[in-house]
Amino acid sequence: MLGDALGRRPDSVYLNLAMARSHYQSGDARSAGRFFQVVRQRAPILASRYSYIEDASADGGVVRAGAPGAADPLIWAADFD
């Protein structure tokens, strides 16, 4: 569905951001970075709010624990004795 809309409006900031976030969540950092470049070029202030997508694509897809959008929450070890 997003792909069809993007075919009609390939330079849409919001569609490219949605695609970047979708690919990021599925672990495809390379594709996420490709879509995110449009967001970075056309709306740098908006892109700064989602810089973790660009960081992941630059790091080869590595998602740091507790990063915004990370699949699992960061859990701190604690001694419960």
PDB file of N, CA and C in Angstrom:
ATOM      1  N   MET A   1       0.819  -1.184   0.000  1.00  0.00           N
ATOM      2  CA  MET A   1       0.000   0.000   0.000  1.00  0.00           C
ATOM      3  C   MET A   1       0.871   1.259   0.000  1.00  0.00           C
ATOM      4  N   LEU A   2       1.842   1.342   0.923  1.00  0.00           N
ATOM      5  CA  LEU A   2       2.744   2.492   0.927  1.00  0.00           C
ATOM      6  C   LEU A   2       3.560   2.557  -0.350  1.00  0.00           C
ATOM      7  N   GLY A   3       3.958   1.401  -0.840  1.00  0.00           N
ATOM      8  CA  GLY A   3       4.734   1.353  -2.076  1.00  0.00           C
ATOM      9  C   GLY A   3       3.958   1.923  -3.253  1.00  0.00           C
ATOM     10  N   ASP A   4       2.652   1.645  -3.309  1.00  0.00           N
ATOM     11  CA  ASP A   4       1.818   2.195  -4.377  1.00  0.00           C
ATOM     12  C   ASP A   4       1.740   3.709  -4.272  1.00  0.00           C
ATOM     13  N   ALA A   5       1.523   4.199  -3.069  1.00  0.00           N
ATOM     14  CA  ALA A   5       1.439   5.645  -2.856  1.00  0.00           C
ATOM     15  C   ALA A   5       2.773   6.310  -3.180  1.00  0.00           C
ATOM     16  N   LEU A   6       3.859   5.653  -2.800  1.00  0.00           N
ATOM     17  CA  LEU A   6       5.182   6.202  -3.072  1.00  0.00           C
ATOM     18  C   LEU A   6       5.469   6.232  -4.568  1.00  0.00           C
ATOM     19  N   GLY A   7       4.899   5.298  -5.302  1.00  0.00           N
ATOM     20  CA  GLY A   7       5.039   5.296  -6.753  1.00  0.00           C
ATOM     21  C   GLY A   7       4.396   6.527  -7.388  1.00  0.00           C
ATOM     22  N   ARG A   8       3.348   7.021  -6.747  1.00  0.00           N
ATOM     23  CA  ARG A   8       2.669   8.224  -7.253  1.00  0.00           C
ATOM     24  C   ARG A   8       3.330   9.511  -6.774  1.00  0.00           C
ATOM     25  N   ARG A   9       3.914   9.462  -5.574  1.00  0.00           N
ATOM     26  CA  ARG A   9       4.543  10.655  -4.984  1.00  0.00           C
ATOM     27  C   ARG A   9       5.905  10.274  -4.412  1.00  0.00           C
ATOM     28  N   PRO A  10       6.878  10.001  -5.262  1.00  0.00           N
ATOM     29  CA  PRO A  10       8.176   9.497  -4.802  1.00  0.00           C
ATOM     30  C   PRO A  10       8.969  10.463  -3.939  1.00  0.00           C
ATOM     31  N   ASP A  11       8.650  11.747  -3.987  1.00  0.00           N
ATOM     32  CA  ASP A  11       9.391  12.703  -3.169  1.00  0.00           C
ATOM     33  C   ASP A  11       8.623  13.138  -1.926  1.00  0.00           C
ATOM     34  N   SER A  12       7.555  12.409  -1.583  1.00  0.00           N
ATOM     35  CA  SER A  12       6.779  12.723  -0.383  1.00  0.00           C
ATOM     36  C   SER A  12       7.604  12.441   0.874  1.00  0.00           C
ATOM     37  N   VAL A  13       7.763  13.455   1.692  1.00  0.00           N
ATOM     38  CA  VAL A  13       8.530  13.312   2.930  1.00  0.00           C
ATOM     39  C   VAL A  13       7.877  12.284   3.844  1.00  0.00           C
ATOM     40  N   TYR A  14       6.569  12.377   4.009  1.00  0.00           N
ATOM     41  CA  TYR A  14       5.889  11.509   4.963  1.00  0.00           C
ATOM     42  C   TYR A  14       5.830  10.060   4.494  1.00  0.00           C
ATOM     43  N   LEU A  15       5.660   9.843   3.209  1.00  0.00           N
ATOM     44  CA  LEU A  15       5.670   8.471   2.703  1.00  0.00           C
ATOM     45  C   LEU A  15       7.061   7.859   2.822  1.00  0.00           C
ATOM     46  N   ASN A  16       8.087   8.635   2.495  1.00  0.00           N
ATOM     47  CA  ASN A  16       9.453   8.122   2.638  1.00  0.00           C
ATOM     48  C   ASN A  16       9.805   7.863   4.092  1.00  0.00           C
ATOM     49  N   LEU A  17       9.327   8.704   4.991  1.00  0.00           N
ATOM     50  CA  LEU A  17       9.571   8.471   6.412  1.00  0.00           C
ATOM     51  C   LEU A  17       8.869   7.195   6.872  1.00  0.00           C
ATOM     52  N   ALA A  18       7.638   7.003   6.424  1.00  0.00           N
ATOM     53  CA  ALA A  18       6.912   5.773   6.793  1.00  0.00           C
ATOM     54  C   ALA A  18       7.637   4.540   6.270  1.00  0.00           C
ATOM     55  N   MET A  19       8.137   4.611   5.044  1.00  0.00           N
ATOM     56  CA  MET A  19       8.882   3.475   4.491  1.00  0.00           C
ATOM     57  C   MET A  19      10.188   3.256   5.246  1.00  0.00           C
ATOM     58  N   ALA A  20      10.874   4.335   5.577  1.00  0.00           N
ATOM     59  CA  ALA A  20      12.133   4.210   6.330  1.00  0.00           C
ATOM     60  C   ALA A  20      11.879   3.567   7.686  1.00  0.00           C
ATOM     61  N   ARG A  21      10.843   4.014   8.377  1.00  0.00           N
ATOM     62  CA  ARG A  21      10.533   3.452   9.693  1.00  0.00           C
ATOM     63  C   ARG A  21      10.127   1.986   9.584  1.00  0.00           C
ATOM     64  N   SER A  22       9.362   1.657   8.561  1.00  0.00           N
ATOM     65  CA  SER A  22       8.941   0.277   8.355  1.00  0.00           C
ATOM     66  C   SER A  22      10.136  -0.640   8.107  1.00  0.00           C
ATOM     67  N   HIS A  23      11.032  -0.222   7.238  1.00  0.00           N
ATOM     68  CA  HIS A  23      12.219  -1.035   6.950  1.00  0.00           C
ATOM     69  C   HIS A  23      13.132  -1.109   8.175  1.00  0.00           C
ATOM     70  N   TYR A  24      13.233  -0.026   8.907  1.00  0.00           N
ATOM     71  CA  TYR A  24      14.043  -0.021  10.128  1.00  0.00           C
ATOM     72  C   TYR A  24      13.509  -1.060  11.116  1.00  0.00           C
ATOM     73  N   GLN A  25      12.186  -1.045  11.314  1.00  0.00           N
ATOM     74  CA  GLN A  25      11.577  -1.984  12.263  1.00  0.00           C
ATOM     75  C   GLN A  25      11.753  -3.437  11.831  1.00  0.00           C
ATOM     76  N   SER A  26      11.803  -3.673  10.524  1.00  0.00           N
ATOM     77  CA  SER A  26      11.974  -5.045  10.047  1.00  0.00           C
ATOM     78  C   SER A  26      13.441  -5.463   9.987  1.00  0.00           C
ATOM     79  N   GLY A  27      14.345  -4.529  10.330  1.00  0.00           N
ATOM     80  CA  GLY A  27      15.764  -4.856  10.377  1.00  0.00           C
ATOM     81  C   GLY A  27      16.519  -4.621   9.082  1.00  0.00           C
ATOM     82  N   ASP A  28      15.880  -3.991   8.106  1.00  0.00           N
ATOM     83  CA  ASP A  28      16.520  -3.726   6.817  1.00  0.00           C
ATOM     84  C   ASP A  28      17.081  -2.302   6.822  1.00  0.00           C
ATOM     85  N   ALA A  29      18.223  -2.134   7.455  1.00  0.00           N
ATOM     86  CA  ALA A  29      18.819  -0.809   7.631  1.00  0.00           C
ATOM     87  C   ALA A  29      19.206  -0.164   6.304  1.00  0.00           C
ATOM     88  N   ARG A  30      19.649  -0.953   5.352  1.00  0.00           N
ATOM     89  CA  ARG A  30      20.066  -0.399   4.061  1.00  0.00           C
ATOM     90  C   ARG A  30      18.881   0.266   3.346  1.00  0.00           C
ATOM     91  N   SER A  31      17.746  -0.419   3.268  1.00  0.00           N
ATOM     92  CA  SER A  31      16.553   0.169   2.641  1.00  0.00           C
ATOM     93  C   SER A  31      16.035   1.343   3.449  1.00  0.00           C
ATOM     94  N   ALA A  32      16.070   1.216   4.768  1.00  0.00           N
ATOM     95  CA  ALA A  32      15.622   2.318   5.630  1.00  0.00           C
ATOM     96  C   ALA A  32      16.440   3.567   5.336  1.00  0.00           C
ATOM     97  N   GLY A  33      17.743   3.406   5.203  1.00  0.00           N
ATOM     98  CA  GLY A  33      18.615   4.534   4.921  1.00  0.00           C
ATOM     99  C   GLY A  33      18.337   5.163   3.572  1.00  0.00           C
ATOM    100  N   ARG A  34      18.000   4.336   2.592  1.00  0.00           N
ATOM    101  CA  ARG A  34      17.705   4.849   1.252  1.00  0.00           C
ATOM    102  C   ARG A  34      16.463   5.753   1.278  1.00  0.00           C
ATOM    103  N   PHE A  35      15.408   5.308   1.935  1.00  0.00           N
ATOM    104  CA  PHE A  35      14.197   6.128   2.035  1.00  0.00           C
ATOM    105  C   PHE A  35      14.434   7.347   2.928  1.00  0.00           C
ATOM    106  N   PHE A  36      15.244   7.158   3.954  1.00  0.00           N
ATOM    107  CA  PHE A  36      15.481   8.257   4.894  1.00  0.00           C
ATOM    108  C   PHE A  36      16.245   9.408   4.246  1.00  0.00           C
ATOM    109  N   GLN A  37      17.035   9.127   3.233  1.00  0.00           N
ATOM    110  CA  GLN A  37      17.783  10.187   2.548  1.00  0.00           C
ATOM    111  C   GLN A  37      16.856  11.249   1.959  1.00  0.00           C
ATOM    112  N   VAL A  38      15.702  10.830   1.464  1.00  0.00           N
ATOM    113  CA  VAL A  38      14.730  11.786   0.930  1.00  0.00           C
ATOM    114  C   VAL A  38      14.236  12.690   2.059  1.00  0.00           C
ATOM    115  N   VAL A  39      13.967  12.087   3.207  1.00  0.00           N
ATOM    116  CA  VAL A  39      13.500  12.864   4.360  1.00  0.00           C
ATOM    117  C   VAL A  39      14.587  13.843   4.783  1.00  0.00           C
ATOM    118  N   ARG A  40      15.820  13.374   4.871  1.00  0.00           N
ATOM    119  CA  ARG A  40      16.942  14.216   5.289  1.00  0.00           C
ATOM    120  C   ARG A  40      17.110  15.412   4.327  1.00  0.00           C
ATOM    121  N   GLN A  41      16.985  15.165   3.038  1.00  0.00           N
ATOM    122  CA  GLN A  41      17.175  16.231   2.051  1.00  0.00           C
ATOM    123  C   GLN A  41      16.028  17.232   2.039  1.00  0.00           C
ATOM    124  N   ARG A  42      14.801  16.747   2.157  1.00  0.00           N
ATOM    125  CA  ARG A  42      13.640  17.621   2.002  1.00  0.00           C
ATOM    126  C   ARG A  42      13.126  18.212   3.306  1.00  0.00           C
ATOM    127  N   ALA A  43      13.405  17.558   4.436  1.00  0.00           N
ATOM    128  CA  ALA A  43      12.889  18.043   5.723  1.00  0.00           C
ATOM    129  C   ALA A  43      13.898  17.744   6.832  1.00  0.00           C
ATOM    130  N   PRO A  44      15.019  18.451   6.857  1.00  0.00           N
ATOM    131  CA  PRO A  44      16.081  18.138   7.814  1.00  0.00           C
ATOM    132  C   PRO A  44      15.653  18.262   9.282  1.00  0.00           C
ATOM    133  N   ILE A  45      14.774  19.173   9.593  1.00  0.00           N
ATOM    134  CA  ILE A  45      14.332  19.312  10.985  1.00  0.00           C
ATOM    135  C   ILE A  45      13.518  18.091  11.402  1.00  0.00           C
ATOM    136  N   LEU A  46      12.622  17.641  10.540  1.00  0.00           N
ATOM    137  CA  LEU A  46      11.862  16.419  10.825  1.00  0.00           C
ATOM    138  C   LEU A  46      12.806  15.228  10.904  1.00  0.00           C
ATOM    139  N   ALA A  47      13.760  15.145  10.005  1.00  0.00           N
ATOM    140  CA  ALA A  47      14.706  14.029   9.986  1.00  0.00           C
ATOM    141  C   ALA A  47      15.505  13.942  11.285  1.00  0.00           C
ATOM    142  N   SER A  48      15.790  15.082  11.887  1.00  0.00           N
ATOM    143  CA  SER A  48      16.577  15.060  13.118  1.00  0.00           C
ATOM    144  C   SER A  48      15.839  14.339  14.241  1.00  0.00           C
ATOM    145  N   ARG A  49      14.532  14.302  14.182  1.00  0.00           N
ATOM    146  CA  ARG A  49      13.746  13.580  15.195  1.00  0.00           C
ATOM    147  C   ARG A  49      13.852  12.068  15.028  1.00  0.00           C
ATOM    148  N   TYR A  50      14.267  11.618  13.858  1.00  0.00           N
ATOM    149  CA  TYR A  50      14.354  10.191  13.564  1.00  0.00           C
ATOM    150  C   TYR A  50      15.782   9.791  13.186  1.00  0.00           C
ATOM    151  N   SER A  51      16.750  10.473  13.745  1.00  0.00           N
ATOM    152  CA  SER A  51      18.145  10.237  13.358  1.00  0.00           C
ATOM    153  C   SER A  51      18.616   8.820  13.667  1.00  0.00           C
ATOM    154  N   TYR A  52      17.927   8.116  14.561  1.00  0.00           N
ATOM    155  CA  TYR A  52      18.318   6.735  14.852  1.00  0.00           C
ATOM    156  C   TYR A  52      18.223   5.851  13.607  1.00  0.00           C
ATOM    157  N   ILE A  53      17.345   6.216  12.659  1.00  0.00           N
ATOM    158  CA  ILE A  53      17.245   5.443  11.420  1.00  0.00           C
ATOM    159  C   ILE A  53      18.528   5.601  10.607  1.00  0.00           C
ATOM    160  N   GLU A  54      18.977   6.818  10.483  1.00  0.00           N
ATOM    161  CA  GLU A  54      20.213   7.085   9.747  1.00  0.00           C
ATOM    162  C   GLU A  54      21.410   6.470  10.467  1.00  0.00           C
ATOM    163  N   ASP A  55      21.427   6.552  11.782  1.00  0.00           N
ATOM    164  CA  ASP A  55      22.523   5.963  12.559  1.00  0.00           C
ATOM    165  C   ASP A  55      22.597   4.459  12.346  1.00  0.00           C
ATOM    166  N   ALA A  56      21.450   3.800  12.310  1.00  0.00           N
ATOM    167  CA  ALA A  56      21.434   2.340  12.119  1.00  0.00           C
ATOM    168  C   ALA A  56      21.939   1.975  10.732  1.00  0.00           C
ATOM    169  N   SER A  57      21.554   2.754   9.725  1.00  0.00           N
ATOM    170  CA  SER A  57      22.019   2.422   8.377  1.00  0.00           C
ATOM    171  C   SER A  57      23.521   2.683   8.246  1.00  0.00           C
ATOM    172  N   ALA A  58      24.032   3.679   8.950  1.00  0.00           N
ATOM    173  CA  ALA A  58      25.467   3.967   8.921  1.00  0.00           C
ATOM    174  C   ALA A  58      26.259   2.895   9.664  1.00  0.00           C
ATOM    175  N   ASP A  59      25.641   2.315  10.701  1.00  0.00           N
ATOM    176  CA  ASP A  59      26.299   1.278  11.505  1.00  0.00           C
ATOM    177  C   ASP A  59      26.118  -0.115  10.925  1.00  0.00           C
ATOM    178  N   GLY A  60      25.519  -0.206   9.755  1.00  0.00           N
ATOM    179  CA  GLY A  60      25.303  -1.518   9.150  1.00  0.00           C
ATOM    180  C   GLY A  60      24.125  -2.260   9.735  1.00  0.00           C
ATOM    181  N   GLY A  61      23.198  -1.547  10.347  1.00  0.00           N
ATOM    182  CA  GLY A  61      21.996  -2.178  10.857  1.00  0.00           C
ATOM    183  C   GLY A  61      22.039  -2.510  12.328  1.00  0.00           C
ATOM    184  N   VAL A  62      23.099  -2.131  13.000  1.00  0.00           N
ATOM    185  CA  VAL A  62      23.197  -2.412  14.426  1.00  0.00           C
ATOM    186  C   VAL A  62      22.284  -1.470  15.182  1.00  0.00           C
ATOM    187  N   VAL A  63      21.409  -2.033  16.002  1.00  0.00           N
ATOM    188  CA  VAL A  63      20.521  -1.229  16.826  1.00  0.00           C
ATOM    189  C   VAL A  63      20.990  -1.341  18.263  1.00  0.00           C
ATOM    190  N   ARG A  64      21.304  -0.223  18.845  1.00  0.00           N
ATOM    191  CA  ARG A  64      21.787  -0.231  20.220  1.00  0.00           C
ATOM    192  C   ARG A  64      20.633  -0.453  21.199  1.00  0.00           C
ATOM    193  N   ALA A  65      20.913  -1.126  22.279  1.00  0.00           N
ATOM    194  CA  ALA A  65      19.890  -1.370  23.296  1.00  0.00           C
ATOM    195  C   ALA A  65      19.321  -0.059  23.785  1.00  0.00           C
ATOM    196  N   GLY A  66      18.020   0.014  23.844  1.00  0.00           N
ATOM    197  CA  GLY A  66      17.356   1.210  24.334  1.00  0.00           C
ATOM    198  C   GLY A  66      17.232   2.317  23.313  1.00  0.00           C
ATOM    199  N   ALA A  67      17.648   2.065  22.070  1.00  0.00           N
ATOM    200  CA  ALA A  67      17.536   3.086  21.028  1.00  0.00           C
ATOM    201  C   ALA A  67      16.066   3.324  20.717  1.00  0.00           C
ATOM    202  N   PRO A  68      15.687   4.548  20.383  1.00  0.00           N
ATOM    203  CA  PRO A  68      14.297   4.798  20.012  1.00  0.00           C
ATOM    204  C   PRO A  68      13.890   3.876  18.878  1.00  0.00           C
ATOM    205  N   GLY A  69      12.761   3.254  19.029  1.00  0.00           N
ATOM    206  CA  GLY A  69      12.274   2.359  17.999  1.00  0.00           C
ATOM    207  C   GLY A  69      12.824   0.948  18.103  1.00  0.00           C
ATOM    208  N   ALA A  70      13.697   0.682  19.059  1.00  0.00           N
ATOM    209  CA  ALA A  70      14.227  -0.669  19.226  1.00  0.00           C
ATOM    210  C   ALA A  70      13.081  -1.610  19.565  1.00  0.00           C
ATOM    211  N   ALA A  71      13.145  -2.825  19.058  1.00  0.00           N
ATOM    212  CA  ALA A  71      12.047  -3.773  19.223  1.00  0.00           C
ATOM    213  C   ALA A  71      11.779  -4.112  20.688  1.00  0.00           C
ATOM    214  N   ASP A  72      12.817  -4.311  21.460  1.00  0.00           N
ATOM    215  CA  ASP A  72      12.643  -4.684  22.858  1.00  0.00           C
ATOM    216  C   ASP A  72      13.071  -3.533  23.756  1.00  0.00           C
ATOM    217  N   PRO A  73      12.388  -3.358  24.885  1.00  0.00           N
ATOM    218  CA  PRO A  73      12.803  -2.297  25.799  1.00  0.00           C
ATOM    219  C   PRO A  73      14.131  -2.642  26.463  1.00  0.00           C
ATOM    220  N   LEU A  74      14.823  -1.614  26.875  1.00  0.00           N
ATOM    221  CA  LEU A  74      16.072  -1.819  27.587  1.00  0.00           C
ATOM    222  C   LEU A  74      15.740  -2.254  29.013  1.00  0.00           C
ATOM    223  N   ILE A  75      16.297  -3.372  29.440  1.00  0.00           N
ATOM    224  CA  ILE A  75      16.038  -3.890  30.777  1.00  0.00           C
ATOM    225  C   ILE A  75      17.344  -3.878  31.540  1.00  0.00           C
ATOM    226  N   TRP A  76      17.351  -3.209  32.664  1.00  0.00           N
ATOM    227  CA  TRP A  76      18.556  -3.136  33.478  1.00  0.00           C
ATOM    228  C   TRP A  76      18.598  -4.325  34.418  1.00  0.00           C
ATOM    229  N   ALA A  77      19.779  -4.875  34.597  1.00  0.00           N
ATOM    230  CA  ALA A  77      19.947  -5.977  35.533  1.00  0.00           C
ATOM    231  C   ALA A  77      19.820  -5.436  36.955  1.00  0.00           C
ATOM    232  N   ALA A  78      19.138  -6.187  37.772  1.00  0.00           N
ATOM    233  CA  ALA A  78      18.964  -5.770  39.164  1.00  0.00           C
ATOM    234  C   ALA A  78      18.993  -7.011  40.047  1.00  0.00           C
ATOM    235  N   ASP A  79      19.478  -6.842  41.244  1.00  0.00           N
ATOM    236  CA  ASP A  79      19.522  -7.924  42.208  1.00  0.00           C
ATOM    237  C   ASP A  79      18.248  -7.855  43.035  1.00  0.00           C
ATOM    238  N   PHE A  80      17.400  -8.850  42.929  1.00  0.00           N
ATOM    239  CA  PHE A  80      16.110  -8.820  43.621  1.00  0.00           C
ATOM    240  C   PHE A  80      16.099  -9.678  44.873  1.00  0.00           C
ATOM    241  N   ASP A  81      17.252  -9.959  45.444  1.00  0.00           N
ATOM    242  CA  ASP A  81      17.289 -10.776  46.667  1.00  0.00           C
ATOM    243  C   ASP A  81      16.822 -10.005  47.870  1.00  0.00           C
TER     244      ASP A  81
END
